[in-house]
Amino acid sequence: MPIPNESTRAIFQALTQCARNMRTIGYKTLAEQAKVPWSRKAVALHLGYIRDEICVKRGLPHLNQLAVNAKSKRPGDSVLPSKFKIPADAQERLWRGMVLQAMAYPWDSVSFDQA
């Protein structure tokens, strides 16, 4: 997992803004909004850090769920940590529920730098 940097912080802040506005965001648009260089791999690493090191470790809703493929409007295959195996027929319902949780959470109370 990469050490967080200003790009990770910018993506986190862009995602919290999406949550406040109750919307998802495409991966490339997320990079543009956060003003970070566009690369699928780089954005995925930042999202993975946010998921694993901020959301999972602190017991928070998975904010990374708001980042989606612009065409399908759905997340990629690595939206959950690899240890989770969800039956295909339940994946859509699970994702929708996780999006609602992320949108409803008071992200203003969460510090990116909190240990």
PDB file of N, CA and C in Angstrom:
ATOM      1  N   MET A   1       0.850  -1.178   0.000  1.00  0.00           N
ATOM      2  CA  MET A   1       0.000   0.000   0.000  1.00  0.00           C
ATOM      3  C   MET A   1       0.893   1.237   0.000  1.00  0.00           C
ATOM      4  N   PRO A   2       0.628   2.183  -0.898  1.00  0.00           N
ATOM      5  CA  PRO A   2       1.486   3.371  -0.964  1.00  0.00           C
ATOM      6  C   PRO A   2       1.317   4.255   0.274  1.00  0.00           C
ATOM      7  N   ILE A   3       2.370   4.957   0.579  1.00  0.00           N
ATOM      8  CA  ILE A   3       2.280   5.942   1.655  1.00  0.00           C
ATOM      9  C   ILE A   3       1.391   7.067   1.136  1.00  0.00           C
ATOM     10  N   PRO A   4       0.462   7.546   1.950  1.00  0.00           N
ATOM     11  CA  PRO A   4      -0.429   8.597   1.446  1.00  0.00           C
ATOM     12  C   PRO A   4       0.359   9.873   1.135  1.00  0.00           C
ATOM     13  N   ASN A   5      -0.091  10.558   0.117  1.00  0.00           N
ATOM     14  CA  ASN A   5       0.541  11.816  -0.249  1.00  0.00           C
ATOM     15  C   ASN A   5      -0.548  12.839  -0.537  1.00  0.00           C
ATOM     16  N   GLU A   6      -0.159  13.981  -1.060  1.00  0.00           N
ATOM     17  CA  GLU A   6      -1.141  15.044  -1.326  1.00  0.00           C
ATOM     18  C   GLU A   6      -2.174  14.608  -2.365  1.00  0.00           C
ATOM     19  N   SER A   7      -1.797  13.740  -3.288  1.00  0.00           N
ATOM     20  CA  SER A   7      -2.765  13.232  -4.263  1.00  0.00           C
ATOM     21  C   SER A   7      -3.828  12.379  -3.577  1.00  0.00           C
ATOM     22  N   THR A   8      -3.398  11.545  -2.634  1.00  0.00           N
ATOM     23  CA  THR A   8      -4.352  10.724  -1.881  1.00  0.00           C
ATOM     24  C   THR A   8      -5.298  11.622  -1.098  1.00  0.00           C
ATOM     25  N   ARG A   9      -4.751  12.640  -0.464  1.00  0.00           N
ATOM     26  CA  ARG A   9      -5.562  13.588   0.300  1.00  0.00           C
ATOM     27  C   ARG A   9      -6.573  14.291  -0.616  1.00  0.00           C
ATOM     28  N   ALA A  10      -6.127  14.713  -1.803  1.00  0.00           N
ATOM     29  CA  ALA A  10      -7.006  15.408  -2.747  1.00  0.00           C
ATOM     30  C   ALA A  10      -8.136  14.498  -3.216  1.00  0.00           C
ATOM     31  N   ILE A  11      -7.836  13.233  -3.463  1.00  0.00           N
ATOM     32  CA  ILE A  11      -8.873  12.280  -3.875  1.00  0.00           C
ATOM     33  C   ILE A  11      -9.847  12.051  -2.721  1.00  0.00           C
ATOM     34  N   PHE A  12      -9.331  11.912  -1.505  1.00  0.00           N
ATOM     35  CA  PHE A  12     -10.194  11.769  -0.333  1.00  0.00           C
ATOM     36  C   PHE A  12     -11.141  12.963  -0.218  1.00  0.00           C
ATOM     37  N   GLN A  13     -10.613  14.157  -0.358  1.00  0.00           N
ATOM     38  CA  GLN A  13     -11.432  15.360  -0.250  1.00  0.00           C
ATOM     39  C   GLN A  13     -12.470  15.430  -1.374  1.00  0.00           C
ATOM     40  N   ALA A  14     -12.086  15.046  -2.584  1.00  0.00           N
ATOM     41  CA  ALA A  14     -13.045  15.035  -3.699  1.00  0.00           C
ATOM     42  C   ALA A  14     -14.160  14.027  -3.436  1.00  0.00           C
ATOM     43  N   LEU A  15     -13.818  12.874  -2.882  1.00  0.00           N
ATOM     44  CA  LEU A  15     -14.832  11.858  -2.576  1.00  0.00           C
ATOM     45  C   LEU A  15     -15.768  12.321  -1.463  1.00  0.00           C
ATOM     46  N   THR A  16     -15.237  13.005  -0.458  1.00  0.00           N
ATOM     47  CA  THR A  16     -16.120  13.493   0.601  1.00  0.00           C
ATOM     48  C   THR A  16     -17.071  14.554   0.045  1.00  0.00           C
ATOM     49  N   GLN A  17     -16.613  15.338  -0.921  1.00  0.00           N
ATOM     50  CA  GLN A  17     -17.502  16.315  -1.564  1.00  0.00           C
ATOM     51  C   GLN A  17     -18.601  15.586  -2.352  1.00  0.00           C
ATOM     52  N   CYS A  18     -18.239  14.511  -3.031  1.00  0.00           N
ATOM     53  CA  CYS A  18     -19.241  13.704  -3.746  1.00  0.00           C
ATOM     54  C   CYS A  18     -20.278  13.157  -2.766  1.00  0.00           C
ATOM     55  N   ALA A  19     -19.821  12.688  -1.608  1.00  0.00           N
ATOM     56  CA  ALA A  19     -20.748  12.161  -0.604  1.00  0.00           C
ATOM     57  C   ALA A  19     -21.714  13.249  -0.145  1.00  0.00           C
ATOM     58  N   ARG A  20     -21.191  14.445   0.117  1.00  0.00           N
ATOM     59  CA  ARG A  20     -22.066  15.555   0.543  1.00  0.00           C
ATOM     60  C   ARG A  20     -23.087  15.893  -0.542  1.00  0.00           C
ATOM     61  N   ASN A  21     -22.671  15.775  -1.808  1.00  0.00           N
ATOM     62  CA  ASN A  21     -23.561  16.087  -2.936  1.00  0.00           C
ATOM     63  C   ASN A  21     -24.399  14.882  -3.365  1.00  0.00           C
ATOM     64  N   MET A  22     -24.227  13.766  -2.682  1.00  0.00           N
ATOM     65  CA  MET A  22     -24.955  12.528  -2.960  1.00  0.00           C
ATOM     66  C   MET A  22     -24.829  12.105  -4.426  1.00  0.00           C
ATOM     67  N   ARG A  23     -23.573  11.944  -4.866  1.00  0.00           N
ATOM     68  CA  ARG A  23     -23.349  11.498  -6.236  1.00  0.00           C
ATOM     69  C   ARG A  23     -22.104  10.618  -6.307  1.00  0.00           C
ATOM     70  N   THR A  24     -22.078   9.776  -7.320  1.00  0.00           N
ATOM     71  CA  THR A  24     -20.883   9.008  -7.619  1.00  0.00           C
ATOM     72  C   THR A  24     -20.047   9.831  -8.606  1.00  0.00           C
ATOM     73  N   ILE A  25     -18.844   9.346  -8.894  1.00  0.00           N
ATOM     74  CA  ILE A  25     -17.954  10.076  -9.791  1.00  0.00           C
ATOM     75  C   ILE A  25     -17.103   9.073 -10.564  1.00  0.00           C
ATOM     76  N   GLY A  26     -16.900   9.342 -11.855  1.00  0.00           N
ATOM     77  CA  GLY A  26     -16.046   8.487 -12.678  1.00  0.00           C
ATOM     78  C   GLY A  26     -14.588   8.605 -12.247  1.00  0.00           C
ATOM     79  N   TYR A  27     -13.831   7.546 -12.467  1.00  0.00           N
ATOM     80  CA  TYR A  27     -12.430   7.525 -12.041  1.00  0.00           C
ATOM     81  C   TYR A  27     -11.620   8.673 -12.651  1.00  0.00           C
ATOM     82  N   LYS A  28     -11.761   8.878 -13.941  1.00  0.00           N
ATOM     83  CA  LYS A  28     -10.985   9.937 -14.602  1.00  0.00           C
ATOM     84  C   LYS A  28     -11.445  11.318 -14.136  1.00  0.00           C
ATOM     85  N   THR A  29     -12.741  11.507 -13.989  1.00  0.00           N
ATOM     86  CA  THR A  29     -13.269  12.774 -13.492  1.00  0.00           C
ATOM     87  C   THR A  29     -12.776  13.028 -12.070  1.00  0.00           C
ATOM     88  N   LEU A  30     -12.699  11.978 -11.270  1.00  0.00           N
ATOM     89  CA  LEU A  30     -12.181  12.090  -9.912  1.00  0.00           C
ATOM     90  C   LEU A  30     -10.745  12.612  -9.930  1.00  0.00           C
ATOM     91  N   ALA A  31      -9.927  12.030 -10.802  1.00  0.00           N
ATOM     92  CA  ALA A  31      -8.531  12.484 -10.917  1.00  0.00           C
ATOM     93  C   ALA A  31      -8.485  13.952 -11.337  1.00  0.00           C
ATOM     94  N   GLU A  32      -9.314  14.318 -12.312  1.00  0.00           N
ATOM     95  CA  GLU A  32      -9.336  15.704 -12.780  1.00  0.00           C
ATOM     96  C   GLU A  32      -9.793  16.649 -11.672  1.00  0.00           C
ATOM     97  N   GLN A  33     -10.849  16.291 -10.969  1.00  0.00           N
ATOM     98  CA  GLN A  33     -11.373  17.132  -9.893  1.00  0.00           C
ATOM     99  C   GLN A  33     -10.343  17.286  -8.777  1.00  0.00           C
ATOM    100  N   ALA A  34      -9.630  16.207  -8.470  1.00  0.00           N
ATOM    101  CA  ALA A  34      -8.620  16.234  -7.413  1.00  0.00           C
ATOM    102  C   ALA A  34      -7.304  16.850  -7.904  1.00  0.00           C
ATOM    103  N   LYS A  35      -7.233  17.127  -9.205  1.00  0.00           N
ATOM    104  CA  LYS A  35      -6.034  17.695  -9.820  1.00  0.00           C
ATOM    105  C   LYS A  35      -4.811  16.793  -9.630  1.00  0.00           C
ATOM    106  N   VAL A  36      -5.044  15.483  -9.871  1.00  0.00           N
ATOM    107  CA  VAL A  36      -3.942  14.528  -9.831  1.00  0.00           C
ATOM    108  C   VAL A  36      -3.778  13.927 -11.220  1.00  0.00           C
ATOM    109  N   PRO A  37      -2.567  13.559 -11.584  1.00  0.00           N
ATOM    110  CA  PRO A  37      -2.354  12.973 -12.916  1.00  0.00           C
ATOM    111  C   PRO A  37      -3.220  11.733 -13.105  1.00  0.00           C
ATOM    112  N   TRP A  38      -3.832  11.621 -14.293  1.00  0.00           N
ATOM    113  CA  TRP A  38      -4.720  10.493 -14.575  1.00  0.00           C
ATOM    114  C   TRP A  38      -3.920   9.261 -14.941  1.00  0.00           C
ATOM    115  N   SER A  39      -4.187   8.213 -14.202  1.00  0.00           N
ATOM    116  CA  SER A  39      -3.665   6.871 -14.452  1.00  0.00           C
ATOM    117  C   SER A  39      -4.593   5.929 -13.698  1.00  0.00           C
ATOM    118  N   ARG A  40      -5.141   4.939 -14.402  1.00  0.00           N
ATOM    119  CA  ARG A  40      -6.043   3.990 -13.724  1.00  0.00           C
ATOM    120  C   ARG A  40      -5.360   3.354 -12.517  1.00  0.00           C
ATOM    121  N   LYS A  41      -4.115   2.941 -12.718  1.00  0.00           N
ATOM    122  CA  LYS A  41      -3.393   2.261 -11.652  1.00  0.00           C
ATOM    123  C   LYS A  41      -3.171   3.190 -10.459  1.00  0.00           C
ATOM    124  N   ALA A  42      -2.765   4.435 -10.723  1.00  0.00           N
ATOM    125  CA  ALA A  42      -2.504   5.376  -9.629  1.00  0.00           C
ATOM    126  C   ALA A  42      -3.784   5.683  -8.858  1.00  0.00           C
ATOM    127  N   VAL A  43      -4.871   5.955  -9.579  1.00  0.00           N
ATOM    128  CA  VAL A  43      -6.140   6.253  -8.900  1.00  0.00           C
ATOM    129  C   VAL A  43      -6.580   5.034  -8.088  1.00  0.00           C
ATOM    130  N   ALA A  44      -6.418   3.846  -8.634  1.00  0.00           N
ATOM    131  CA  ALA A  44      -6.792   2.626  -7.906  1.00  0.00           C
ATOM    132  C   ALA A  44      -5.973   2.482  -6.620  1.00  0.00           C
ATOM    133  N   LEU A  45      -4.686   2.828  -6.663  1.00  0.00           N
ATOM    134  CA  LEU A  45      -3.856   2.737  -5.461  1.00  0.00           C
ATOM    135  C   LEU A  45      -4.324   3.728  -4.396  1.00  0.00           C
ATOM    136  N   HIS A  46      -4.664   4.934  -4.806  1.00  0.00           N
ATOM    137  CA  HIS A  46      -5.168   5.926  -3.854  1.00  0.00           C
ATOM    138  C   HIS A  46      -6.502   5.460  -3.254  1.00  0.00           C
ATOM    139  N   LEU A  47      -7.385   4.936  -4.102  1.00  0.00           N
ATOM    140  CA  LEU A  47      -8.679   4.441  -3.617  1.00  0.00           C
ATOM    141  C   LEU A  47      -8.496   3.266  -2.658  1.00  0.00           C
ATOM    142  N   GLY A  48      -7.555   2.395  -2.976  1.00  0.00           N
ATOM    143  CA  GLY A  48      -7.269   1.260  -2.095  1.00  0.00           C
ATOM    144  C   GLY A  48      -6.755   1.723  -0.738  1.00  0.00           C
ATOM    145  N   TYR A  49      -5.895   2.733  -0.743  1.00  0.00           N
ATOM    146  CA  TYR A  49      -5.399   3.277   0.516  1.00  0.00           C
ATOM    147  C   TYR A  49      -6.556   3.864   1.325  1.00  0.00           C
ATOM    148  N   ILE A  50      -7.396   4.659   0.685  1.00  0.00           N
ATOM    149  CA  ILE A  50      -8.538   5.268   1.377  1.00  0.00           C
ATOM    150  C   ILE A  50      -9.438   4.177   1.957  1.00  0.00           C
ATOM    151  N   ARG A  51      -9.703   3.142   1.172  1.00  0.00           N
ATOM    152  CA  ARG A  51     -10.549   2.037   1.644  1.00  0.00           C
ATOM    153  C   ARG A  51      -9.906   1.328   2.839  1.00  0.00           C
ATOM    154  N   ASP A  52      -8.656   0.888   2.678  1.00  0.00           N
ATOM    155  CA  ASP A  52      -8.022   0.028   3.678  1.00  0.00           C
ATOM    156  C   ASP A  52      -7.520   0.777   4.911  1.00  0.00           C
ATOM    157  N   GLU A  53      -6.876   1.905   4.693  1.00  0.00           N
ATOM    158  CA  GLU A  53      -6.207   2.599   5.791  1.00  0.00           C
ATOM    159  C   GLU A  53      -7.080   3.634   6.502  1.00  0.00           C
ATOM    160  N   ILE A  54      -8.092   4.137   5.822  1.00  0.00           N
ATOM    161  CA  ILE A  54      -8.964   5.123   6.471  1.00  0.00           C
ATOM    162  C   ILE A  54     -10.298   4.480   6.819  1.00  0.00           C
ATOM    163  N   CYS A  55     -10.976   3.947   5.826  1.00  0.00           N
ATOM    164  CA  CYS A  55     -12.339   3.438   6.059  1.00  0.00           C
ATOM    165  C   CYS A  55     -12.364   2.141   6.869  1.00  0.00           C
ATOM    166  N   VAL A  56     -11.666   1.123   6.402  1.00  0.00           N
ATOM    167  CA  VAL A  56     -11.718  -0.176   7.087  1.00  0.00           C
ATOM    168  C   VAL A  56     -11.113  -0.080   8.484  1.00  0.00           C
ATOM    169  N   LYS A  57      -9.925   0.514   8.603  1.00  0.00           N
ATOM    170  CA  LYS A  57      -9.257   0.565   9.909  1.00  0.00           C
ATOM    171  C   LYS A  57     -10.029   1.390  10.936  1.00  0.00           C
ATOM    172  N   ARG A  58     -10.815   2.351  10.479  1.00  0.00           N
ATOM    173  CA  ARG A  58     -11.568   3.199  11.409  1.00  0.00           C
ATOM    174  C   ARG A  58     -13.036   2.787  11.517  1.00  0.00           C
ATOM    175  N   GLY A  59     -13.428   1.739  10.816  1.00  0.00           N
ATOM    176  CA  GLY A  59     -14.813   1.276  10.872  1.00  0.00           C
ATOM    177  C   GLY A  59     -15.791   2.234  10.216  1.00  0.00           C
ATOM    178  N   LEU A  60     -15.346   2.909   9.150  1.00  0.00           N
ATOM    179  CA  LEU A  60     -16.173   3.891   8.450  1.00  0.00           C
ATOM    180  C   LEU A  60     -16.773   3.285   7.187  1.00  0.00           C
ATOM    181  N   PRO A  61     -17.832   3.874   6.662  1.00  0.00           N
ATOM    182  CA  PRO A  61     -18.347   3.428   5.362  1.00  0.00           C
ATOM    183  C   PRO A  61     -17.246   3.537   4.306  1.00  0.00           C
ATOM    184  N   HIS A  62     -17.313   2.696   3.322  1.00  0.00           N
ATOM    185  CA  HIS A  62     -16.287   2.662   2.272  1.00  0.00           C
ATOM    186  C   HIS A  62     -16.504   3.806   1.279  1.00  0.00           C
ATOM    187  N   LEU A  63     -15.811   4.891   1.503  1.00  0.00           N
ATOM    188  CA  LEU A  63     -15.926   6.079   0.663  1.00  0.00           C
ATOM    189  C   LEU A  63     -15.519   5.800  -0.782  1.00  0.00           C
ATOM    190  N   ASN A  64     -14.619   4.858  -0.973  1.00  0.00           N
ATOM    191  CA  ASN A  64     -14.147   4.511  -2.328  1.00  0.00           C
ATOM    192  C   ASN A  64     -15.273   3.987  -3.221  1.00  0.00           C
ATOM    193  N   GLN A  65     -16.395   3.574  -2.618  1.00  0.00           N
ATOM    194  CA  GLN A  65     -17.525   3.058  -3.389  1.00  0.00           C
ATOM    195  C   GLN A  65     -18.123   4.104  -4.316  1.00  0.00           C
ATOM    196  N   LEU A  66     -17.847   5.377  -4.044  1.00  0.00           N
ATOM    197  CA  LEU A  66     -18.412   6.456  -4.853  1.00  0.00           C
ATOM    198  C   LEU A  66     -17.672   6.635  -6.175  1.00  0.00           C
ATOM    199  N   ALA A  67     -16.493   6.055  -6.303  1.00  0.00           N
ATOM    200  CA  ALA A  67     -15.723   6.124  -7.552  1.00  0.00           C
ATOM    201  C   ALA A  67     -16.150   4.961  -8.455  1.00  0.00           C
ATOM    202  N   VAL A  68     -16.556   5.306  -9.678  1.00  0.00           N
ATOM    203  CA  VAL A  68     -17.127   4.304 -10.587  1.00  0.00           C
ATOM    204  C   VAL A  68     -16.562   4.444 -11.995  1.00  0.00           C
ATOM    205  N   ASN A  69     -16.801   3.429 -12.791  1.00  0.00           N
ATOM    206  CA  ASN A  69     -16.505   3.474 -14.217  1.00  0.00           C
ATOM    207  C   ASN A  69     -17.496   4.442 -14.861  1.00  0.00           C
ATOM    208  N   ALA A  70     -17.007   5.400 -15.629  1.00  0.00           N
ATOM    209  CA  ALA A  70     -17.891   6.428 -16.197  1.00  0.00           C
ATOM    210  C   ALA A  70     -18.945   5.843 -17.128  1.00  0.00           C
ATOM    211  N   LYS A  71     -18.607   4.783 -17.823  1.00  0.00           N
ATOM    212  CA  LYS A  71     -19.545   4.206 -18.791  1.00  0.00           C
ATOM    213  C   LYS A  71     -20.607   3.338 -18.103  1.00  0.00           C
ATOM    214  N   SER A  72     -20.174   2.433 -17.254  1.00  0.00           N
ATOM    215  CA  SER A  72     -21.116   1.508 -16.606  1.00  0.00           C
ATOM    216  C   SER A  72     -21.777   2.101 -15.361  1.00  0.00           C
ATOM    217  N   LYS A  73     -21.182   3.154 -14.810  1.00  0.00           N
ATOM    218  CA  LYS A  73     -21.658   3.773 -13.563  1.00  0.00           C
ATOM    219  C   LYS A  73     -21.594   2.803 -12.387  1.00  0.00           C
ATOM    220  N   ARG A  74     -20.705   1.836 -12.483  1.00  0.00           N
ATOM    221  CA  ARG A  74     -20.497   0.839 -11.433  1.00  0.00           C
ATOM    222  C   ARG A  74     -19.016   0.778 -11.090  1.00  0.00           C
ATOM    223  N   PRO A  75     -18.683   0.315  -9.879  1.00  0.00           N
ATOM    224  CA  PRO A  75     -17.277   0.219  -9.487  1.00  0.00           C
ATOM    225  C   PRO A  75     -16.568  -0.926 -10.187  1.00  0.00           C
ATOM    226  N   GLY A  76     -15.248  -0.879 -10.124  1.00  0.00           N
ATOM    227  CA  GLY A  76     -14.435  -1.951 -10.699  1.00  0.00           C
ATOM    228  C   GLY A  76     -14.420  -3.177  -9.796  1.00  0.00           C
ATOM    229  N   ASP A  77     -13.692  -4.179 -10.226  1.00  0.00           N
ATOM    230  CA  ASP A  77     -13.652  -5.451  -9.504  1.00  0.00           C
ATOM    231  C   ASP A  77     -12.954  -5.366  -8.149  1.00  0.00           C
ATOM    232  N   SER A  78     -12.074  -4.387  -7.960  1.00  0.00           N
ATOM    233  CA  SER A  78     -11.323  -4.328  -6.698  1.00  0.00           C
ATOM    234  C   SER A  78     -11.931  -3.356  -5.702  1.00  0.00           C
ATOM    235  N   VAL A  79     -13.233  -3.162  -5.791  1.00  0.00           N
ATOM    236  CA  VAL A  79     -13.904  -2.209  -4.908  1.00  0.00           C
ATOM    237  C   VAL A  79     -13.889  -2.683  -3.453  1.00  0.00           C
ATOM    238  N   LEU A  80     -13.874  -3.978  -3.228  1.00  0.00           N
ATOM    239  CA  LEU A  80     -13.758  -4.549  -1.893  1.00  0.00           C
ATOM    240  C   LEU A  80     -12.388  -5.194  -1.745  1.00  0.00           C
ATOM    241  N   PRO A  81     -11.872  -5.291  -0.526  1.00  0.00           N
ATOM    242  CA  PRO A  81     -10.618  -6.023  -0.341  1.00  0.00           C
ATOM    243  C   PRO A  81     -10.750  -7.431  -0.908  1.00  0.00           C
ATOM    244  N   SER A  82      -9.660  -7.965  -1.439  1.00  0.00           N
ATOM    245  CA  SER A  82      -9.704  -9.247  -2.150  1.00  0.00           C
ATOM    246  C   SER A  82     -10.178 -10.412  -1.284  1.00  0.00           C
ATOM    247  N   LYS A  83     -10.118 -10.293   0.034  1.00  0.00           N
ATOM    248  CA  LYS A  83     -10.544 -11.403   0.892  1.00  0.00           C
ATOM    249  C   LYS A  83     -12.063 -11.589   0.902  1.00  0.00           C
ATOM    250  N   PHE A  84     -12.814 -10.603   0.392  1.00  0.00           N
ATOM    251  CA  PHE A  84     -14.263 -10.700   0.358  1.00  0.00           C
ATOM    252  C   PHE A  84     -14.720 -11.328  -0.952  1.00  0.00           C
ATOM    253  N   LYS A  85     -15.509 -12.367  -0.843  1.00  0.00           N
ATOM    254  CA  LYS A  85     -16.087 -13.023  -2.017  1.00  0.00           C
ATOM    255  C   LYS A  85     -17.601 -12.907  -1.905  1.00  0.00           C
ATOM    256  N   ILE A  86     -18.187 -12.102  -2.776  1.00  0.00           N
ATOM    257  CA  ILE A  86     -19.624 -11.837  -2.742  1.00  0.00           C
ATOM    258  C   ILE A  86     -20.270 -12.519  -3.944  1.00  0.00           C
ATOM    259  N   PRO A  87     -21.336 -13.284  -3.742  1.00  0.00           N
ATOM    260  CA  PRO A  87     -22.024 -13.910  -4.867  1.00  0.00           C
ATOM    261  C   PRO A  87     -22.469 -12.843  -5.880  1.00  0.00           C
ATOM    262  N   ALA A  88     -22.380 -13.157  -7.147  1.00  0.00           N
ATOM    263  CA  ALA A  88     -22.684 -12.195  -8.213  1.00  0.00           C
ATOM    264  C   ALA A  88     -24.071 -11.582  -8.072  1.00  0.00           C
ATOM    265  N   ASP A  89     -25.054 -12.378  -7.676  1.00  0.00           N
ATOM    266  CA  ASP A  89     -26.421 -11.855  -7.584  1.00  0.00           C
ATOM    267  C   ASP A  89     -26.602 -10.875  -6.422  1.00  0.00           C
ATOM    268  N   ALA A  90     -25.659 -10.820  -5.489  1.00  0.00           N
ATOM    269  CA  ALA A  90     -25.772  -9.913  -4.345  1.00  0.00           C
ATOM    270  C   ALA A  90     -24.878  -8.681  -4.480  1.00  0.00           C
ATOM    271  N   GLN A  91     -23.987  -8.674  -5.462  1.00  0.00           N
ATOM    272  CA  GLN A  91     -23.017  -7.586  -5.579  1.00  0.00           C
ATOM    273  C   GLN A  91     -23.667  -6.230  -5.815  1.00  0.00           C
ATOM    274  N   GLU A  92     -24.637  -6.136  -6.667  1.00  0.00           N
ATOM    275  CA  GLU A  92     -25.297  -4.860  -6.967  1.00  0.00           C
ATOM    276  C   GLU A  92     -25.995  -4.306  -5.726  1.00  0.00           C
ATOM    277  N   ARG A  93     -26.736  -5.154  -5.017  1.00  0.00           N
ATOM    278  CA  ARG A  93     -27.433  -4.705  -3.804  1.00  0.00           C
ATOM    279  C   ARG A  93     -26.434  -4.250  -2.740  1.00  0.00           C
ATOM    280  N   LEU A  94     -25.371  -5.003  -2.573  1.00  0.00           N
ATOM    281  CA  LEU A  94     -24.352  -4.650  -1.593  1.00  0.00           C
ATOM    282  C   LEU A  94     -23.727  -3.302  -1.945  1.00  0.00           C
ATOM    283  N   TRP A  95     -23.355  -3.114  -3.203  1.00  0.00           N
ATOM    284  CA  TRP A  95     -22.741  -1.859  -3.630  1.00  0.00           C
ATOM    285  C   TRP A  95     -23.692  -0.687  -3.393  1.00  0.00           C
ATOM    286  N   ARG A  96     -24.954  -0.841  -3.772  1.00  0.00           N
ATOM    287  CA  ARG A  96     -25.925   0.250  -3.578  1.00  0.00           C
ATOM    288  C   ARG A  96     -26.051   0.611  -2.101  1.00  0.00           C
ATOM    289  N   GLY A  97     -26.091  -0.377  -1.245  1.00  0.00           N
ATOM    290  CA  GLY A  97     -26.176  -0.114   0.196  1.00  0.00           C
ATOM    291  C   GLY A  97     -24.933   0.590   0.715  1.00  0.00           C
ATOM    292  N   MET A  98     -23.774   0.184   0.219  1.00  0.00           N
ATOM    293  CA  MET A  98     -22.530   0.812   0.656  1.00  0.00           C
ATOM    294  C   MET A  98     -22.442   2.261   0.172  1.00  0.00           C
ATOM    295  N   VAL A  99     -22.947   2.529  -1.027  1.00  0.00           N
ATOM    296  CA  VAL A  99     -22.979   3.900  -1.545  1.00  0.00           C
ATOM    297  C   VAL A  99     -23.855   4.769  -0.655  1.00  0.00           C
ATOM    298  N   LEU A 100     -25.026   4.261  -0.285  1.00  0.00           N
ATOM    299  CA  LEU A 100     -25.926   5.025   0.583  1.00  0.00           C
ATOM    300  C   LEU A 100     -25.279   5.315   1.940  1.00  0.00           C
ATOM    301  N   GLN A 101     -24.588   4.331   2.488  1.00  0.00           N
ATOM    302  CA  GLN A 101     -23.899   4.551   3.761  1.00  0.00           C
ATOM    303  C   GLN A 101     -22.824   5.630   3.619  1.00  0.00           C
ATOM    304  N   ALA A 102     -22.055   5.567   2.548  1.00  0.00           N
ATOM    305  CA  ALA A 102     -20.995   6.559   2.331  1.00  0.00           C
ATOM    306  C   ALA A 102     -21.582   7.952   2.151  1.00  0.00           C
ATOM    307  N   MET A 103     -22.690   8.054   1.443  1.00  0.00           N
ATOM    308  CA  MET A 103     -23.313   9.362   1.209  1.00  0.00           C
ATOM    309  C   MET A 103     -23.926   9.941   2.484  1.00  0.00           C
ATOM    310  N   ALA A 104     -24.403   9.095   3.367  1.00  0.00           N
ATOM    311  CA  ALA A 104     -25.077   9.558   4.580  1.00  0.00           C
ATOM    312  C   ALA A 104     -24.106   9.896   5.712  1.00  0.00           C
ATOM    313  N   TYR A 105     -22.867   9.477   5.605  1.00  0.00           N
ATOM    314  CA  TYR A 105     -21.920   9.643   6.709  1.00  0.00           C
ATOM    315  C   TYR A 105     -21.453  11.098   6.830  1.00  0.00           C
ATOM    316  N   PRO A 106     -21.259  11.606   8.051  1.00  0.00           N
ATOM    317  CA  PRO A 106     -20.775  12.979   8.251  1.00  0.00           C
ATOM    318  C   PRO A 106     -19.251  13.078   8.070  1.00  0.00           C
ATOM    319  N   TRP A 107     -18.797  13.103   6.837  1.00  0.00           N
ATOM    320  CA  TRP A 107     -17.363  13.081   6.529  1.00  0.00           C
ATOM    321  C   TRP A 107     -16.612  14.299   7.048  1.00  0.00           C
ATOM    322  N   ASP A 108     -17.313  15.388   7.328  1.00  0.00           N
ATOM    323  CA  ASP A 108     -16.641  16.575   7.869  1.00  0.00           C
ATOM    324  C   ASP A 108     -15.991  16.282   9.228  1.00  0.00           C
ATOM    325  N   SER A 109     -16.461  15.239   9.887  1.00  0.00           N
ATOM    326  CA  SER A 109     -15.916  14.888  11.201  1.00  0.00           C
ATOM    327  C   SER A 109     -14.699  13.950  11.089  1.00  0.00           C
ATOM    328  N   VAL A 110     -14.296  13.583   9.875  1.00  0.00           N
ATOM    329  CA  VAL A 110     -13.210  12.642   9.663  1.00  0.00           C
ATOM    330  C   VAL A 110     -11.963  13.376   9.200  1.00  0.00           C
ATOM    331  N   SER A 111     -10.873  13.164   9.898  1.00  0.00           N
ATOM    332  CA  SER A 111      -9.599  13.759   9.506  1.00  0.00           C
ATOM    333  C   SER A 111      -8.815  12.766   8.659  1.00  0.00           C
ATOM    334  N   PHE A 112      -8.303  13.223   7.543  1.00  0.00           N
ATOM    335  CA  PHE A 112      -7.472  12.372   6.697  1.00  0.00           C
ATOM    336  C   PHE A 112      -6.238  11.907   7.468  1.00  0.00           C
ATOM    337  N   ASP A 113      -5.703  12.767   8.313  1.00  0.00           N
ATOM    338  CA  ASP A 113      -4.441  12.503   9.027  1.00  0.00           C
ATOM    339  C   ASP A 113      -4.609  11.769  10.336  1.00  0.00           C
ATOM    340  N   GLN A 114      -5.826  11.517  10.765  1.00  0.00           N
ATOM    341  CA  GLN A 114      -6.069  10.854  12.045  1.00  0.00           C
ATOM    342  C   GLN A 114      -5.353   9.511  12.090  1.00  0.00           C
ATOM    343  N   ALA A 115      -4.688   9.250  13.176  1.00  0.00           N
ATOM    344  CA  ALA A 115      -3.965   7.974  13.314  1.00  0.00           C
ATOM    345  C   ALA A 115      -4.891   6.840  13.641  1.00  0.00           C
TER     346      ALA A 115
END
